[in-house]
Protein backbone atom coordinates (compact mmCIF):
# COMPACT_ATOMS: atom_id res chain seq x y z
CA MET A 1 -82.08 -5.65 -23.10
CA GLY A 2 -79.75 -8.19 -24.78
CA ILE A 3 -79.80 -11.11 -22.82
CA VAL A 4 -83.52 -11.32 -23.14
CA LYS A 5 -84.19 -11.23 -26.57
CA SER A 6 -80.50 -13.49 -27.41
CA CYS A 7 -82.16 -16.61 -25.03
CA PHE A 8 -86.22 -16.25 -26.25
CA SER A 9 -85.95 -18.73 -28.47
CA PHE A 10 -83.92 -20.71 -25.85
CA MET A 11 -87.41 -19.86 -22.63
CA VAL A 12 -89.91 -20.30 -25.15
CA GLY A 13 -89.14 -23.37 -26.18
CA THR A 14 -88.12 -25.65 -22.44
CA ILE A 15 -92.09 -23.56 -21.10
CA CYS A 16 -93.40 -25.37 -24.02
CA GLY A 17 -91.28 -28.72 -23.88
CA VAL A 18 -92.08 -28.94 -20.19
CA TYR A 19 -95.42 -27.67 -20.82
CA ILE A 20 -96.08 -31.47 -23.72
CA ALA A 21 -94.48 -33.54 -21.12
CA GLN A 22 -96.92 -33.17 -18.40
CA ASN A 23 -99.92 -32.66 -20.81
CA TYR A 24 -99.16 -35.62 -23.05
CA LYS A 25 -97.73 -38.94 -23.53
CA VAL A 26 -94.02 -38.33 -24.12
CA PRO A 27 -91.88 -41.51 -25.09
CA ASP A 28 -88.57 -41.27 -22.76
CA VAL A 29 -85.81 -40.87 -25.13
CA GLN A 30 -82.18 -42.09 -23.04
CA LYS A 31 -84.79 -45.38 -22.72
CA LEU A 32 -84.95 -45.00 -26.71
CA ALA A 33 -81.77 -44.33 -27.66
CA SER A 34 -80.37 -47.33 -25.51
CA THR A 35 -82.83 -50.06 -26.93
CA ALA A 36 -81.51 -48.83 -30.45
CA LEU A 37 -77.69 -48.90 -29.34
CA PHE A 38 -79.43 -52.22 -28.04
CA MET A 39 -80.26 -53.97 -31.05
CA GLY A 40 -77.75 -51.67 -33.47
CA ARG A 41 -75.13 -53.86 -31.45
CA LEU A 42 -77.47 -57.55 -31.39
CA ILE A 43 -77.38 -56.86 -35.19
CA GLU A 44 -73.09 -56.03 -35.97
CA GLU A 45 -73.11 -59.66 -34.08
CA ASN A 46 -75.59 -61.33 -36.47
CA TYR A 47 -74.30 -60.07 -39.26
CA ARG A 48 -70.51 -59.46 -39.52
CA LYS A 49 -68.24 -61.14 -41.14
CA PRO A 50 -66.68 -64.13 -38.63
CA LYS A 51 -63.03 -63.64 -38.29
CA LYS A 52 -59.83 -65.17 -39.97
CA PRO A 53 -57.76 -68.07 -38.29
CA ASP A 54 -54.13 -66.69 -37.44
CA GLU A 55 -52.21 -68.77 -39.99
CA ASP A 56 -48.35 -69.59 -37.76
């Protein structure tokens, strides 16, 4: 009884997630994350301060 009680919310969440993913148009989280990282890198490269020249 203890394992069912402790895992009940996990099981309900998994079942609801599977139902929602099958019946609704849910965006791909991995694709969104990779796009966000790519855009962040572009913004960082564009707005980064220029490097100071090395003085010998």
